[in-house]
Amino acid sequence: MPNTLIQFRTDEKSRQNATRVCEQLGFDLPTYLRICIARLNQENGIPFNMKLTKDSSGDALAAMKKASRIAKTNGIADLPLEDINAEIAAVRANTRQE
């Protein structure tokens, strides 16, 4: 499927803060925006809440960073959402058959 460019304007301070939050969560701002669009389409609404809190233990962030490292090691870091969903569906189908 061909990619398309989406552009919008925001103030620099908001962009910098959003970039910082995304980096703390283990990904970059463009990846976050792609996640938002994919999930918005998949759920037909806003389905998730991701935020940093002062009392976060960091376990979720550590898990996301570990998953990212594993994906890079296995050459699947840039796997499209459609391929990820297809693999999940295949595993679920195999599990049901067992």
PDB file of N, CA and C in Angstrom:
ATOM      1  N   MET A   1       0.849  -1.169   0.000  1.00  0.00           N
ATOM      2  CA  MET A   1       0.000   0.000   0.000  1.00  0.00           C
ATOM      3  C   MET A   1       0.901   1.240   0.000  1.00  0.00           C
ATOM      4  N   PRO A   2       0.651   2.194  -0.891  1.00  0.00           N
ATOM      5  CA  PRO A   2       1.513   3.377  -0.950  1.00  0.00           C
ATOM      6  C   PRO A   2       1.337   4.254   0.288  1.00  0.00           C
ATOM      7  N   ASN A   3       2.432   4.893   0.671  1.00  0.00           N
ATOM      8  CA  ASN A   3       2.400   5.805   1.815  1.00  0.00           C
ATOM      9  C   ASN A   3       1.936   7.181   1.368  1.00  0.00           C
ATOM     10  N   THR A   4       1.412   7.948   2.308  1.00  0.00           N
ATOM     11  CA  THR A   4       1.010   9.318   2.033  1.00  0.00           C
ATOM     12  C   THR A   4       1.587  10.210   3.127  1.00  0.00           C
ATOM     13  N   LEU A   5       1.804  11.448   2.808  1.00  0.00           N
ATOM     14  CA  LEU A   5       2.380  12.402   3.742  1.00  0.00           C
ATOM     15  C   LEU A   5       1.259  13.183   4.412  1.00  0.00           C
ATOM     16  N   ILE A   6       1.310  13.256   5.736  1.00  0.00           N
ATOM     17  CA  ILE A   6       0.364  14.068   6.499  1.00  0.00           C
ATOM     18  C   ILE A   6       1.178  15.134   7.211  1.00  0.00           C
ATOM     19  N   GLN A   7       0.785  16.380   7.057  1.00  0.00           N
ATOM     20  CA  GLN A   7       1.494  17.477   7.703  1.00  0.00           C
ATOM     21  C   GLN A   7       0.514  18.310   8.514  1.00  0.00           C
ATOM     22  N   PHE A   8       0.987  18.830   9.636  1.00  0.00           N
ATOM     23  CA  PHE A   8       0.192  19.781  10.394  1.00  0.00           C
ATOM     24  C   PHE A   8       1.142  20.661  11.187  1.00  0.00           C
ATOM     25  N   ARG A   9       0.654  21.766  11.654  1.00  0.00           N
ATOM     26  CA  ARG A   9       1.486  22.714  12.392  1.00  0.00           C
ATOM     27  C   ARG A   9       1.148  22.660  13.877  1.00  0.00           C
ATOM     28  N   THR A  10       2.180  22.800  14.685  1.00  0.00           N
ATOM     29  CA  THR A  10       2.033  22.906  16.127  1.00  0.00           C
ATOM     30  C   THR A  10       3.156  23.800  16.622  1.00  0.00           C
ATOM     31  N   ASP A  11       3.017  24.336  17.811  1.00  0.00           N
ATOM     32  CA  ASP A  11       4.083  25.193  18.302  1.00  0.00           C
ATOM     33  C   ASP A  11       5.298  24.334  18.684  1.00  0.00           C
ATOM     34  N   GLU A  12       6.470  24.941  18.619  1.00  0.00           N
ATOM     35  CA  GLU A  12       7.726  24.221  18.829  1.00  0.00           C
ATOM     36  C   GLU A  12       7.817  23.615  20.223  1.00  0.00           C
ATOM     37  N   LYS A  13       7.347  24.316  21.224  1.00  0.00           N
ATOM     38  CA  LYS A  13       7.422  23.790  22.592  1.00  0.00           C
ATOM     39  C   LYS A  13       6.590  22.509  22.727  1.00  0.00           C
ATOM     40  N   SER A  14       5.397  22.480  22.131  1.00  0.00           N
ATOM     41  CA  SER A  14       4.565  21.276  22.181  1.00  0.00           C
ATOM     42  C   SER A  14       5.233  20.119  21.459  1.00  0.00           C
ATOM     43  N   ARG A  15       5.840  20.399  20.287  1.00  0.00           N
ATOM     44  CA  ARG A  15       6.525  19.346  19.534  1.00  0.00           C
ATOM     45  C   ARG A  15       7.695  18.785  20.334  1.00  0.00           C
ATOM     46  N   GLN A  16       8.474  19.672  20.951  1.00  0.00           N
ATOM     47  CA  GLN A  16       9.619  19.211  21.746  1.00  0.00           C
ATOM     48  C   GLN A  16       9.169  18.360  22.925  1.00  0.00           C
ATOM     49  N   ASN A  17       8.104  18.774  23.603  1.00  0.00           N
ATOM     50  CA  ASN A  17       7.603  18.009  24.740  1.00  0.00           C
ATOM     51  C   ASN A  17       7.067  16.652  24.283  1.00  0.00           C
ATOM     52  N   ALA A  18       6.317  16.640  23.178  1.00  0.00           N
ATOM     53  CA  ALA A  18       5.797  15.375  22.653  1.00  0.00           C
ATOM     54  C   ALA A  18       6.939  14.446  22.257  1.00  0.00           C
ATOM     55  N   THR A  19       7.971  14.994  21.653  1.00  0.00           N
ATOM     56  CA  THR A  19       9.142  14.201  21.271  1.00  0.00           C
ATOM     57  C   THR A  19       9.805  13.602  22.502  1.00  0.00           C
ATOM     58  N   ARG A  20       9.938  14.399  23.562  1.00  0.00           N
ATOM     59  CA  ARG A  20      10.556  13.932  24.806  1.00  0.00           C
ATOM     60  C   ARG A  20       9.739  12.804  25.425  1.00  0.00           C
ATOM     61  N   VAL A  21       8.422  12.958  25.476  1.00  0.00           N
ATOM     62  CA  VAL A  21       7.558  11.922  26.052  1.00  0.00           C
ATOM     63  C   VAL A  21       7.675  10.626  25.245  1.00  0.00           C
ATOM     64  N   CYS A  22       7.614  10.751  23.920  1.00  0.00           N
ATOM     65  CA  CYS A  22       7.732   9.553  23.073  1.00  0.00           C
ATOM     66  C   CYS A  22       9.067   8.854  23.302  1.00  0.00           C
ATOM     67  N   GLU A  23      10.153   9.614  23.381  1.00  0.00           N
ATOM     68  CA  GLU A  23      11.467   9.013  23.606  1.00  0.00           C
ATOM     69  C   GLU A  23      11.508   8.287  24.955  1.00  0.00           C
ATOM     70  N   GLN A  24      10.858   8.852  25.957  1.00  0.00           N
ATOM     71  CA  GLN A  24      10.811   8.191  27.265  1.00  0.00           C
ATOM     72  C   GLN A  24       9.998   6.907  27.195  1.00  0.00           C
ATOM     73  N   LEU A  25       9.057   6.840  26.268  1.00  0.00           N
ATOM     74  CA  LEU A  25       8.254   5.634  26.086  1.00  0.00           C
ATOM     75  C   LEU A  25       8.920   4.635  25.144  1.00  0.00           C
ATOM     76  N   GLY A  26      10.035   5.036  24.536  1.00  0.00           N
ATOM     77  CA  GLY A  26      10.825   4.106  23.737  1.00  0.00           C
ATOM     78  C   GLY A  26      10.632   4.191  22.236  1.00  0.00           C
ATOM     79  N   PHE A  27      10.015   5.257  21.722  1.00  0.00           N
ATOM     80  CA  PHE A  27       9.876   5.403  20.275  1.00  0.00           C
ATOM     81  C   PHE A  27       9.904   6.866  19.899  1.00  0.00           C
ATOM     82  N   ASP A  28       9.884   7.151  18.602  1.00  0.00           N
ATOM     83  CA  ASP A  28       9.934   8.533  18.151  1.00  0.00           C
ATOM     84  C   ASP A  28       8.529   9.066  17.847  1.00  0.00           C
ATOM     85  N   LEU A  29       8.435  10.361  17.623  1.00  0.00           N
ATOM     86  CA  LEU A  29       7.144  11.010  17.401  1.00  0.00           C
ATOM     87  C   LEU A  29       6.433  10.496  16.142  1.00  0.00           C
ATOM     88  N   PRO A  30       7.120  10.324  14.994  1.00  0.00           N
ATOM     89  CA  PRO A  30       6.428   9.779  13.830  1.00  0.00           C
ATOM     90  C   PRO A  30       5.846   8.376  14.079  1.00  0.00           C
ATOM     91  N   THR A  31       6.565   7.542  14.817  1.00  0.00           N
ATOM     92  CA  THR A  31       6.044   6.210  15.150  1.00  0.00           C
ATOM     93  C   THR A  31       4.779   6.329  15.982  1.00  0.00           C
ATOM     94  N   TYR A  32       4.786   7.234  16.958  1.00  0.00           N
ATOM     95  CA  TYR A  32       3.592   7.451  17.778  1.00  0.00           C
ATOM     96  C   TYR A  32       2.403   7.868  16.917  1.00  0.00           C
ATOM     97  N   LEU A  33       2.643   8.784  15.987  1.00  0.00           N
ATOM     98  CA  LEU A  33       1.548   9.249  15.141  1.00  0.00           C
ATOM     99  C   LEU A  33       1.014   8.128  14.246  1.00  0.00           C
ATOM    100  N   ARG A  34       1.912   7.256  13.747  1.00  0.00           N
ATOM    101  CA  ARG A  34       1.458   6.111  12.955  1.00  0.00           C
ATOM    102  C   ARG A  34       0.640   5.145  13.820  1.00  0.00           C
ATOM    103  N   ILE A  35       1.086   4.926  15.066  1.00  0.00           N
ATOM    104  CA  ILE A  35       0.341   4.068  15.995  1.00  0.00           C
ATOM    105  C   ILE A  35      -1.060   4.643  16.219  1.00  0.00           C
ATOM    106  N   CYS A  36      -1.132   5.937  16.432  1.00  0.00           N
ATOM    107  CA  CYS A  36      -2.426   6.579  16.671  1.00  0.00           C
ATOM    108  C   CYS A  36      -3.369   6.384  15.497  1.00  0.00           C
ATOM    109  N   ILE A  37      -2.874   6.599  14.295  1.00  0.00           N
ATOM    110  CA  ILE A  37      -3.721   6.449  13.118  1.00  0.00           C
ATOM    111  C   ILE A  37      -4.159   4.999  12.947  1.00  0.00           C
ATOM    112  N   ALA A  38      -3.220   4.065  13.107  1.00  0.00           N
ATOM    113  CA  ALA A  38      -3.559   2.644  12.946  1.00  0.00           C
ATOM    114  C   ALA A  38      -4.610   2.213  13.966  1.00  0.00           C
ATOM    115  N   ARG A  39      -4.417   2.582  15.225  1.00  0.00           N
ATOM    116  CA  ARG A  39      -5.373   2.183  16.263  1.00  0.00           C
ATOM    117  C   ARG A  39      -6.701   2.907  16.125  1.00  0.00           C
ATOM    118  N   LEU A  40      -6.672   4.171  15.729  1.00  0.00           N
ATOM    119  CA  LEU A  40      -7.903   4.915  15.505  1.00  0.00           C
ATOM    120  C   LEU A  40      -8.751   4.226  14.442  1.00  0.00           C
ATOM    121  N   ASN A  41      -8.106   3.807  13.356  1.00  0.00           N
ATOM    122  CA  ASN A  41      -8.819   3.095  12.288  1.00  0.00           C
ATOM    123  C   ASN A  41      -9.288   1.722  12.747  1.00  0.00           C
ATOM    124  N   GLN A  42      -8.425   1.004  13.458  1.00  0.00           N
ATOM    125  CA  GLN A  42      -8.757  -0.349  13.898  1.00  0.00           C
ATOM    126  C   GLN A  42      -9.930  -0.352  14.878  1.00  0.00           C
ATOM    127  N   GLU A  43      -9.928   0.565  15.805  1.00  0.00           N
ATOM    128  CA  GLU A  43     -10.944   0.599  16.860  1.00  0.00           C
ATOM    129  C   GLU A  43     -12.120   1.530  16.545  1.00  0.00           C
ATOM    130  N   ASN A  44     -11.978   2.298  15.474  1.00  0.00           N
ATOM    131  CA  ASN A  44     -12.992   3.280  15.128  1.00  0.00           C
ATOM    132  C   ASN A  44     -13.229   4.261  16.275  1.00  0.00           C
ATOM    133  N   GLY A  45     -12.138   4.639  16.934  1.00  0.00           N
ATOM    134  CA  GLY A  45     -12.178   5.566  18.058  1.00  0.00           C
ATOM    135  C   GLY A  45     -10.826   5.605  18.731  1.00  0.00           C
ATOM    136  N   ILE A  46     -10.713   6.348  19.797  1.00  0.00           N
ATOM    137  CA  ILE A  46      -9.451   6.461  20.532  1.00  0.00           C
ATOM    138  C   ILE A  46      -9.439   5.384  21.612  1.00  0.00           C
ATOM    139  N   PRO A  47      -8.637   4.310  21.412  1.00  0.00           N
ATOM    140  CA  PRO A  47      -8.752   3.126  22.262  1.00  0.00           C
ATOM    141  C   PRO A  47      -7.732   2.994  23.388  1.00  0.00           C
ATOM    142  N   PHE A  48      -6.825   3.924  23.540  1.00  0.00           N
ATOM    143  CA  PHE A  48      -5.764   3.677  24.519  1.00  0.00           C
ATOM    144  C   PHE A  48      -5.361   4.945  25.244  1.00  0.00           C
ATOM    145  N   ASN A  49      -4.677   4.744  26.355  1.00  0.00           N
ATOM    146  CA  ASN A  49      -4.181   5.832  27.175  1.00  0.00           C
ATOM    147  C   ASN A  49      -2.745   5.493  27.556  1.00  0.00           C
ATOM    148  N   MET A  50      -1.809   6.276  27.118  1.00  0.00           N
ATOM    149  CA  MET A  50      -0.401   6.072  27.467  1.00  0.00           C
ATOM    150  C   MET A  50       0.110   7.369  28.077  1.00  0.00           C
ATOM    151  N   LYS A  51       0.534   7.302  29.316  1.00  0.00           N
ATOM    152  CA  LYS A  51       1.095   8.502  29.920  1.00  0.00           C
ATOM    153  C   LYS A  51       2.127   8.129  30.965  1.00  0.00           C
ATOM    154  N   LEU A  52       3.017   9.031  31.182  1.00  0.00           N
ATOM    155  CA  LEU A  52       4.037   8.858  32.202  1.00  0.00           C
ATOM    156  C   LEU A  52       3.504   9.432  33.506  1.00  0.00           C
ATOM    157  N   THR A  53       3.749   8.757  34.599  1.00  0.00           N
ATOM    158  CA  THR A  53       3.353   9.271  35.901  1.00  0.00           C
ATOM    159  C   THR A  53       4.574   9.349  36.791  1.00  0.00           C
ATOM    160  N   LYS A  54       4.493  10.165  37.801  1.00  0.00           N
ATOM    161  CA  LYS A  54       5.630  10.336  38.700  1.00  0.00           C
ATOM    162  C   LYS A  54       5.953   9.051  39.457  1.00  0.00           C
ATOM    163  N   ASP A  55       4.952   8.201  39.676  1.00  0.00           N
ATOM    164  CA  ASP A  55       5.173   6.979  40.437  1.00  0.00           C
ATOM    165  C   ASP A  55       5.347   5.747  39.546  1.00  0.00           C
ATOM    166  N   SER A  56       5.570   5.960  38.222  1.00  0.00           N
ATOM    167  CA  SER A  56       5.780   4.821  37.325  1.00  0.00           C
ATOM    168  C   SER A  56       7.039   4.080  37.727  1.00  0.00           C
ATOM    169  N   SER A  57       6.957   2.771  37.734  1.00  0.00           N
ATOM    170  CA  SER A  57       8.127   1.975  38.097  1.00  0.00           C
ATOM    171  C   SER A  57       9.086   1.816  36.937  1.00  0.00           C
ATOM    172  N   GLY A  58       8.634   2.115  35.724  1.00  0.00           N
ATOM    173  CA  GLY A  58       9.491   1.971  34.568  1.00  0.00           C
ATOM    174  C   GLY A  58       9.432   0.590  33.947  1.00  0.00           C
ATOM    175  N   ASP A  59       8.646  -0.323  34.527  1.00  0.00           N
ATOM    176  CA  ASP A  59       8.554  -1.678  33.989  1.00  0.00           C
ATOM    177  C   ASP A  59       8.021  -1.688  32.559  1.00  0.00           C
ATOM    178  N   ALA A  60       6.995  -0.880  32.287  1.00  0.00           N
ATOM    179  CA  ALA A  60       6.419  -0.853  30.942  1.00  0.00           C
ATOM    180  C   ALA A  60       7.430  -0.313  29.945  1.00  0.00           C
ATOM    181  N   LEU A  61       8.122   0.736  30.313  1.00  0.00           N
ATOM    182  CA  LEU A  61       9.131   1.310  29.430  1.00  0.00           C
ATOM    183  C   LEU A  61      10.247   0.307  29.167  1.00  0.00           C
ATOM    184  N   ALA A  62      10.690  -0.369  30.193  1.00  0.00           N
ATOM    185  CA  ALA A  62      11.747  -1.377  30.034  1.00  0.00           C
ATOM    186  C   ALA A  62      11.275  -2.499  29.114  1.00  0.00           C
ATOM    187  N   ALA A  63      10.029  -2.916  29.250  1.00  0.00           N
ATOM    188  CA  ALA A  63       9.486  -3.973  28.398  1.00  0.00           C
ATOM    189  C   ALA A  63       9.410  -3.522  26.946  1.00  0.00           C
ATOM    190  N   MET A  64       8.994  -2.283  26.715  1.00  0.00           N
ATOM    191  CA  MET A  64       8.916  -1.765  25.353  1.00  0.00           C
ATOM    192  C   MET A  64      10.306  -1.662  24.724  1.00  0.00           C
ATOM    193  N   LYS A  65      11.282  -1.200  25.488  1.00  0.00           N
ATOM    194  CA  LYS A  65      12.645  -1.102  24.972  1.00  0.00           C
ATOM    195  C   LYS A  65      13.206  -2.489  24.663  1.00  0.00           C
ATOM    196  N   LYS A  66      12.920  -3.462  25.522  1.00  0.00           N
ATOM    197  CA  LYS A  66      13.381  -4.835  25.285  1.00  0.00           C
ATOM    198  C   LYS A  66      12.738  -5.385  24.018  1.00  0.00           C
ATOM    199  N   ALA A  67      11.444  -5.174  23.854  1.00  0.00           N
ATOM    200  CA  ALA A  67      10.748  -5.642  22.653  1.00  0.00           C
ATOM    201  C   ALA A  67      11.331  -4.987  21.402  1.00  0.00           C
ATOM    202  N   SER A  68      11.667  -3.714  21.502  1.00  0.00           N
ATOM    203  CA  SER A  68      12.261  -3.008  20.370  1.00  0.00           C
ATOM    204  C   SER A  68      13.623  -3.592  20.012  1.00  0.00           C
ATOM    205  N   ARG A  69      14.435  -3.890  21.030  1.00  0.00           N
ATOM    206  CA  ARG A  69      15.747  -4.502  20.782  1.00  0.00           C
ATOM    207  C   ARG A  69      15.598  -5.880  20.146  1.00  0.00           C
ATOM    208  N   ILE A  70      14.654  -6.677  20.632  1.00  0.00           N
ATOM    209  CA  ILE A  70      14.421  -8.015  20.069  1.00  0.00           C
ATOM    210  C   ILE A  70      13.978  -7.898  18.610  1.00  0.00           C
ATOM    211  N   ALA A  71      13.089  -6.946  18.331  1.00  0.00           N
ATOM    212  CA  ALA A  71      12.611  -6.753  16.957  1.00  0.00           C
ATOM    213  C   ALA A  71      13.766  -6.369  16.038  1.00  0.00           C
ATOM    214  N   LYS A  72      14.631  -5.477  16.491  1.00  0.00           N
ATOM    215  CA  LYS A  72      15.776  -5.078  15.673  1.00  0.00           C
ATOM    216  C   LYS A  72      16.719  -6.248  15.459  1.00  0.00           C
ATOM    217  N   THR A  73      16.983  -7.021  16.504  1.00  0.00           N
ATOM    218  CA  THR A  73      17.870  -8.177  16.401  1.00  0.00           C
ATOM    219  C   THR A  73      17.344  -9.188  15.393  1.00  0.00           C
ATOM    220  N   ASN A  74      16.035  -9.372  15.358  1.00  0.00           N
ATOM    221  CA  ASN A  74      15.420 -10.354  14.466  1.00  0.00           C
ATOM    222  C   ASN A  74      15.018  -9.782  13.109  1.00  0.00           C
ATOM    223  N   GLY A  75      15.376  -8.532  12.854  1.00  0.00           N
ATOM    224  CA  GLY A  75      15.098  -7.923  11.561  1.00  0.00           C
ATOM    225  C   GLY A  75      13.639  -7.651  11.280  1.00  0.00           C
ATOM    226  N   ILE A  76      12.848  -7.449  12.331  1.00  0.00           N
ATOM    227  CA  ILE A  76      11.416  -7.208  12.127  1.00  0.00           C
ATOM    228  C   ILE A  76      10.966  -5.870  12.712  1.00  0.00           C
ATOM    229  N   ALA A  77      11.905  -4.965  12.936  1.00  0.00           N
ATOM    230  CA  ALA A  77      11.569  -3.679  13.552  1.00  0.00           C
ATOM    231  C   ALA A  77      10.643  -2.842  12.676  1.00  0.00           C
ATOM    232  N   ASP A  78      10.723  -3.010  11.363  1.00  0.00           N
ATOM    233  CA  ASP A  78       9.905  -2.214  10.451  1.00  0.00           C
ATOM    234  C   ASP A  78       8.741  -3.012   9.869  1.00  0.00           C
ATOM    235  N   LEU A  79       8.309  -4.045  10.567  1.00  0.00           N
ATOM    236  CA  LEU A  79       7.220  -4.883  10.085  1.00  0.00           C
ATOM    237  C   LEU A  79       5.924  -4.070  10.054  1.00  0.00           C
ATOM    238  N   PRO A  80       5.228  -4.044   8.910  1.00  0.00           N
ATOM    239  CA  PRO A  80       3.979  -3.277   8.825  1.00  0.00           C
ATOM    240  C   PRO A  80       2.898  -3.855   9.737  1.00  0.00           C
ATOM    241  N   LEU A  81       1.982  -3.010  10.155  1.00  0.00           N
ATOM    242  CA  LEU A  81       0.900  -3.412  11.047  1.00  0.00           C
ATOM    243  C   LEU A  81       0.088  -4.561  10.460  1.00  0.00           C
ATOM    244  N   GLU A  82      -0.127  -4.555   9.160  1.00  0.00           N
ATOM    245  CA  GLU A  82      -0.898  -5.623   8.520  1.00  0.00           C
ATOM    246  C   GLU A  82      -0.210  -6.976   8.721  1.00  0.00           C
ATOM    247  N   ASP A  83       1.131  -7.002   8.592  1.00  0.00           N
ATOM    248  CA  ASP A  83       1.879  -8.251   8.781  1.00  0.00           C
ATOM    249  C   ASP A  83       1.832  -8.712  10.240  1.00  0.00           C
ATOM    250  N   ILE A  84       1.922  -7.763  11.157  1.00  0.00           N
ATOM    251  CA  ILE A  84       1.852  -8.095  12.580  1.00  0.00           C
ATOM    252  C   ILE A  84       0.492  -8.716  12.894  1.00  0.00           C
ATOM    253  N   ASN A  85      -0.575  -8.073  12.412  1.00  0.00           N
ATOM    254  CA  ASN A  85      -1.921  -8.593  12.659  1.00  0.00           C
ATOM    255  C   ASN A  85      -2.124  -9.961  12.023  1.00  0.00           C
ATOM    256  N   ALA A  86      -1.534 -10.183  10.835  1.00  0.00           N
ATOM    257  CA  ALA A  86      -1.651 -11.482  10.170  1.00  0.00           C
ATOM    258  C   ALA A  86      -0.957 -12.566  10.985  1.00  0.00           C
ATOM    259  N   GLU A  87       0.216 -12.253  11.536  1.00  0.00           N
ATOM    260  CA  GLU A  87       0.924 -13.232  12.368  1.00  0.00           C
ATOM    261  C   GLU A  87       0.142 -13.546  13.642  1.00  0.00           C
ATOM    262  N   ILE A  88      -0.430 -12.535  14.253  1.00  0.00           N
ATOM    263  CA  ILE A  88      -1.234 -12.753  15.463  1.00  0.00           C
ATOM    264  C   ILE A  88      -2.429 -13.642  15.136  1.00  0.00           C
ATOM    265  N   ALA A  89      -3.101 -13.360  14.025  1.00  0.00           N
ATOM    266  CA  ALA A  89      -4.264 -14.161  13.619  1.00  0.00           C
ATOM    267  C   ALA A  89      -3.865 -15.607  13.358  1.00  0.00           C
ATOM    268  N   ALA A  90      -2.699 -15.819  12.739  1.00  0.00           N
ATOM    269  CA  ALA A  90      -2.240 -17.185  12.455  1.00  0.00           C
ATOM    270  C   ALA A  90      -1.957 -17.946  13.744  1.00  0.00           C
ATOM    271  N   VAL A  91      -1.321 -17.295  14.705  1.00  0.00           N
ATOM    272  CA  VAL A  91      -1.030 -17.943  15.985  1.00  0.00           C
ATOM    273  C   VAL A  91      -2.330 -18.285  16.708  1.00  0.00           C
ATOM    274  N   ARG A  92      -3.269 -17.364  16.693  1.00  0.00           N
ATOM    275  CA  ARG A  92      -4.560 -17.623  17.349  1.00  0.00           C
ATOM    276  C   ARG A  92      -5.291 -18.778  16.677  1.00  0.00           C
ATOM    277  N   ALA A  93      -5.237 -18.822  15.357  1.00  0.00           N
ATOM    278  CA  ALA A  93      -5.895 -19.912  14.635  1.00  0.00           C
ATOM    279  C   ALA A  93      -5.250 -21.254  14.978  1.00  0.00           C
ATOM    280  N   ASN A  94      -3.935 -21.308  15.061  1.00  0.00           N
ATOM    281  CA  ASN A  94      -3.227 -22.537  15.411  1.00  0.00           C
ATOM    282  C   ASN A  94      -3.542 -22.962  16.843  1.00  0.00           C
ATOM    283  N   THR A  95      -3.666 -21.989  17.744  1.00  0.00           N
ATOM    284  CA  THR A  95      -3.973 -22.290  19.134  1.00  0.00           C
ATOM    285  C   THR A  95      -5.362 -22.904  19.265  1.00  0.00           C
ATOM    286  N   ARG A  96      -6.310 -22.393  18.504  1.00  0.00           N
ATOM    287  CA  ARG A  96      -7.682 -22.908  18.545  1.00  0.00           C
ATOM    288  C   ARG A  96      -7.769 -24.335  18.002  1.00  0.00           C
ATOM    289  N   GLN A  97      -6.907 -24.672  17.050  1.00  0.00           N
ATOM    290  CA  GLN A  97      -6.929 -25.981  16.433  1.00  0.00           C
ATOM    291  C   GLN A  97      -6.327 -27.052  17.344  1.00  0.00           C
ATOM    292  N   GLU A  98      -5.503 -26.638  18.280  1.00  0.00           N
ATOM    293  CA  GLU A  98      -4.821 -27.605  19.154  1.00  0.00           C
ATOM    294  C   GLU A  98      -5.693 -28.117  20.225  1.00  0.00           C
TER     295      GLU A  98
END
